[in-house]
């Protein structure tokens, strides 16, 4: 039971991460929509494969932090509402 919940949670978080990677890629490199092969050739030429994942990881961490803060605020709001 717990394992299936964790697997589902990991899949959802991975989906969030992939969406962030794609959004950042298309925002930073609009030529991915018009000439993706040229963009990948440039990546291969410069050998910079890791930076998109690092940038996405930092954005993901910021979003996770915001989600935790909002969840905590809602928890406190509901806790004081009960009293």
N, C-alpha and C. Protein backbone atom coordinates (compact mmCIF):
# COMPACT_ATOMS: atom_id res chain seq x y z
N UNK A 1 0.82 -1.20 0.00
CA UNK A 1 0.00 0.00 0.00
C UNK A 1 0.87 1.26 0.00
N UNK A 2 1.82 1.31 0.92
CA UNK A 2 2.69 2.47 1.01
C UNK A 2 3.59 2.55 -0.22
N UNK A 3 4.06 1.39 -0.71
CA UNK A 3 4.92 1.39 -1.88
C UNK A 3 4.20 1.94 -3.10
N UNK A 4 2.96 1.55 -3.30
CA UNK A 4 2.22 2.05 -4.47
C UNK A 4 1.99 3.56 -4.36
N UNK A 5 1.77 4.04 -3.14
CA UNK A 5 1.61 5.48 -2.94
C UNK A 5 2.90 6.21 -3.28
N UNK A 6 4.02 5.68 -2.83
CA UNK A 6 5.32 6.31 -3.09
C UNK A 6 5.66 6.28 -4.58
N UNK A 7 5.36 5.18 -5.24
CA UNK A 7 5.62 5.09 -6.68
C UNK A 7 4.78 6.13 -7.42
N UNK A 8 3.53 6.27 -7.02
CA UNK A 8 2.66 7.26 -7.65
C UNK A 8 3.20 8.67 -7.39
N UNK A 9 3.65 8.93 -6.17
CA UNK A 9 4.19 10.25 -5.81
C UNK A 9 5.47 10.55 -6.61
N UNK A 10 6.33 9.56 -6.76
CA UNK A 10 7.57 9.75 -7.52
C UNK A 10 7.25 10.02 -8.99
N UNK A 11 6.28 9.31 -9.53
CA UNK A 11 5.89 9.54 -10.93
C UNK A 11 5.36 10.95 -11.13
N UNK A 12 4.57 11.43 -10.21
CA UNK A 12 4.02 12.78 -10.31
C UNK A 12 5.14 13.81 -10.24
N UNK A 13 6.07 13.62 -9.31
CA UNK A 13 7.18 14.56 -9.18
C UNK A 13 8.09 14.53 -10.42
N UNK A 14 8.31 13.35 -10.97
CA UNK A 14 9.09 13.26 -12.22
C UNK A 14 8.38 13.96 -13.37
N UNK A 15 7.07 13.84 -13.41
CA UNK A 15 6.30 14.54 -14.43
C UNK A 15 6.46 16.05 -14.28
N UNK A 16 6.40 16.54 -13.04
CA UNK A 16 6.63 17.98 -12.79
C UNK A 16 8.01 18.38 -13.30
N UNK A 17 9.01 17.57 -13.01
CA UNK A 17 10.39 17.89 -13.41
C UNK A 17 10.52 17.92 -14.92
N UNK A 18 9.94 16.94 -15.60
CA UNK A 18 10.02 16.89 -17.07
C UNK A 18 9.32 18.10 -17.68
N UNK A 19 8.18 18.47 -17.13
CA UNK A 19 7.46 19.65 -17.63
C UNK A 19 8.31 20.90 -17.44
N UNK A 20 8.97 21.02 -16.30
CA UNK A 20 9.84 22.17 -16.06
C UNK A 20 10.98 22.19 -17.05
N UNK A 21 11.61 21.03 -17.30
CA UNK A 21 12.71 20.96 -18.28
C UNK A 21 12.22 21.42 -19.65
N UNK A 22 11.08 20.91 -20.08
CA UNK A 22 10.57 21.28 -21.40
C UNK A 22 10.20 22.75 -21.48
N UNK A 23 9.53 23.26 -20.46
CA UNK A 23 9.16 24.67 -20.46
C UNK A 23 10.39 25.58 -20.50
N UNK A 24 11.37 25.26 -19.68
CA UNK A 24 12.59 26.08 -19.69
C UNK A 24 13.31 25.98 -21.03
N UNK A 25 13.32 24.78 -21.60
CA UNK A 25 14.00 24.61 -22.89
C UNK A 25 13.33 25.45 -23.97
N UNK A 26 12.01 25.44 -24.01
CA UNK A 26 11.31 26.19 -25.05
C UNK A 26 11.34 27.69 -24.79
N UNK A 27 11.39 28.09 -23.53
CA UNK A 27 11.46 29.52 -23.22
C UNK A 27 12.85 30.06 -23.55
N UNK A 28 13.88 29.32 -23.19
CA UNK A 28 15.25 29.80 -23.40
C UNK A 28 15.71 29.63 -24.84
N UNK A 29 15.20 28.61 -25.51
CA UNK A 29 15.65 28.31 -26.88
C UNK A 29 14.43 28.16 -27.78
N UNK A 30 13.92 29.27 -28.26
CA UNK A 30 12.72 29.23 -29.09
C UNK A 30 12.98 28.54 -30.43
N UNK A 31 14.24 28.42 -30.82
CA UNK A 31 14.55 27.73 -32.08
C UNK A 31 14.34 26.22 -31.99
N UNK A 32 14.06 25.71 -30.80
CA UNK A 32 13.74 24.28 -30.68
C UNK A 32 12.46 23.93 -31.43
N UNK A 33 11.57 24.90 -31.56
CA UNK A 33 10.32 24.66 -32.27
C UNK A 33 10.50 24.73 -33.78
N UNK A 34 11.41 25.57 -34.23
CA UNK A 34 11.57 25.75 -35.67
C UNK A 34 12.68 24.89 -36.26
N UNK A 35 13.79 24.75 -35.53
CA UNK A 35 14.93 23.98 -36.05
C UNK A 35 15.56 23.15 -34.94
N UNK A 36 14.88 22.11 -34.51
CA UNK A 36 15.41 21.33 -33.37
C UNK A 36 16.71 20.60 -33.69
N UNK A 37 16.88 20.17 -34.92
CA UNK A 37 18.10 19.42 -35.27
C UNK A 37 19.32 20.33 -35.15
N UNK A 38 19.18 21.57 -35.59
CA UNK A 38 20.30 22.52 -35.47
C UNK A 38 20.64 22.78 -34.00
N UNK A 39 19.62 22.88 -33.16
CA UNK A 39 19.86 23.11 -31.73
C UNK A 39 20.61 21.92 -31.13
N UNK A 40 20.20 20.71 -31.47
CA UNK A 40 20.88 19.52 -30.92
C UNK A 40 22.30 19.40 -31.46
N UNK A 41 22.52 19.81 -32.70
CA UNK A 41 23.88 19.82 -33.24
C UNK A 41 24.76 20.81 -32.48
N UNK A 42 24.20 21.97 -32.15
CA UNK A 42 24.96 22.95 -31.37
C UNK A 42 25.28 22.41 -29.98
N UNK A 43 24.31 21.73 -29.37
CA UNK A 43 24.55 21.13 -28.05
C UNK A 43 25.68 20.10 -28.14
N UNK A 44 25.64 19.30 -29.19
CA UNK A 44 26.67 18.28 -29.34
C UNK A 44 28.04 18.91 -29.59
N UNK A 45 28.05 19.98 -30.37
CA UNK A 45 29.31 20.67 -30.69
C UNK A 45 29.93 21.28 -29.43
N UNK A 46 29.10 21.88 -28.58
CA UNK A 46 29.60 22.53 -27.37
C UNK A 46 29.68 21.58 -26.18
N UNK A 47 29.11 20.40 -26.30
CA UNK A 47 29.12 19.37 -25.24
C UNK A 47 28.55 19.91 -23.93
N UNK A 48 27.45 20.62 -24.01
CA UNK A 48 26.81 21.12 -22.79
C UNK A 48 25.46 20.42 -22.60
N UNK A 49 25.53 19.22 -22.11
CA UNK A 49 24.32 18.41 -21.94
C UNK A 49 23.69 18.57 -20.57
N UNK A 50 24.47 18.93 -19.58
CA UNK A 50 23.99 18.90 -18.21
C UNK A 50 23.28 20.17 -17.76
N UNK A 51 23.60 21.31 -18.33
CA UNK A 51 23.06 22.55 -17.79
C UNK A 51 21.53 22.64 -17.81
N UNK A 52 20.82 22.09 -18.79
CA UNK A 52 19.36 22.20 -18.72
C UNK A 52 18.78 21.47 -17.51
N UNK A 53 19.39 20.34 -17.17
CA UNK A 53 18.90 19.57 -16.04
C UNK A 53 19.22 20.26 -14.71
N UNK A 54 20.37 20.92 -14.64
CA UNK A 54 20.71 21.66 -13.42
C UNK A 54 19.80 22.86 -13.24
N UNK A 55 19.56 23.62 -14.31
CA UNK A 55 18.65 24.76 -14.21
C UNK A 55 17.25 24.30 -13.81
N UNK A 56 16.79 23.23 -14.42
CA UNK A 56 15.46 22.70 -14.09
C UNK A 56 15.42 22.22 -12.64
N UNK A 57 16.51 21.63 -12.17
CA UNK A 57 16.55 21.17 -10.78
C UNK A 57 16.43 22.35 -9.82
N UNK A 58 17.12 23.46 -10.11
CA UNK A 58 17.02 24.63 -9.23
C UNK A 58 15.62 25.22 -9.24
N UNK A 59 15.00 25.28 -10.40
CA UNK A 59 13.62 25.78 -10.49
C UNK A 59 12.67 24.82 -9.76
N UNK A 60 12.91 23.52 -9.91
CA UNK A 60 12.09 22.52 -9.22
C UNK A 60 12.21 22.68 -7.70
N UNK A 61 13.42 22.87 -7.20
CA UNK A 61 13.62 23.05 -5.76
C UNK A 61 12.89 24.29 -5.26
N UNK A 62 12.93 25.36 -6.02
CA UNK A 62 12.21 26.58 -5.63
C UNK A 62 10.71 26.32 -5.58
N UNK A 63 10.20 25.61 -6.57
CA UNK A 63 8.77 25.30 -6.60
C UNK A 63 8.39 24.38 -5.44
N UNK A 64 9.24 23.41 -5.13
CA UNK A 64 8.97 22.52 -3.99
C UNK A 64 8.94 23.33 -2.70
N UNK A 65 9.87 24.26 -2.54
CA UNK A 65 9.89 25.10 -1.35
C UNK A 65 8.60 25.90 -1.23
N UNK A 66 8.16 26.49 -2.33
CA UNK A 66 6.91 27.26 -2.32
C UNK A 66 5.73 26.36 -1.98
N UNK A 67 5.70 25.15 -2.54
CA UNK A 67 4.61 24.22 -2.23
C UNK A 67 4.60 23.85 -0.74
N UNK A 68 5.77 23.67 -0.15
CA UNK A 68 5.85 23.33 1.28
C UNK A 68 5.37 24.49 2.13
N UNK A 69 5.77 25.71 1.78
CA UNK A 69 5.35 26.89 2.55
C UNK A 69 3.84 27.06 2.46
N UNK A 70 3.28 26.92 1.26
CA UNK A 70 1.83 27.06 1.10
C UNK A 70 1.09 25.98 1.88
N UNK A 71 1.59 24.76 1.82
CA UNK A 71 0.97 23.66 2.56
C UNK A 71 1.01 23.93 4.07
N UNK A 72 2.12 24.45 4.56
CA UNK A 72 2.24 24.77 5.98
C UNK A 72 1.29 25.89 6.38
N UNK A 73 1.18 26.91 5.55
CA UNK A 73 0.26 28.02 5.84
C UNK A 73 -1.18 27.53 5.88
N UNK A 74 -1.54 26.69 4.92
CA UNK A 74 -2.90 26.13 4.92
C UNK A 74 -3.14 25.25 6.13
N UNK A 75 -2.12 24.52 6.55
CA UNK A 75 -2.24 23.68 7.76
C UNK A 75 -2.49 24.56 8.97
N UNK A 76 -1.72 25.63 9.11
CA UNK A 76 -1.93 26.54 10.24
C UNK A 76 -3.29 27.21 10.19
N UNK A 77 -3.71 27.59 9.01
CA UNK A 77 -5.03 28.22 8.86
C UNK A 77 -6.13 27.27 9.29
N UNK A 78 -6.05 26.03 8.87
CA UNK A 78 -7.07 25.05 9.25
C UNK A 78 -6.99 24.69 10.72
N UNK A 79 -5.80 24.70 11.29
CA UNK A 79 -5.64 24.37 12.71
C UNK A 79 -6.28 25.45 13.56
N UNK A 80 -6.07 26.73 13.23
CA UNK A 80 -6.67 27.81 14.01
C UNK A 80 -8.14 27.97 13.73
N UNK A 81 -8.59 27.49 12.60
CA UNK A 81 -10.01 27.56 12.26
C UNK A 81 -10.81 26.61 13.14
N UNK A 82 -10.22 25.48 13.50
CA UNK A 82 -10.90 24.48 14.33
C UNK A 82 -11.11 24.98 15.75
N UNK A 83 -10.24 25.86 16.24
CA UNK A 83 -10.34 26.32 17.64
C UNK A 83 -11.42 27.34 17.83
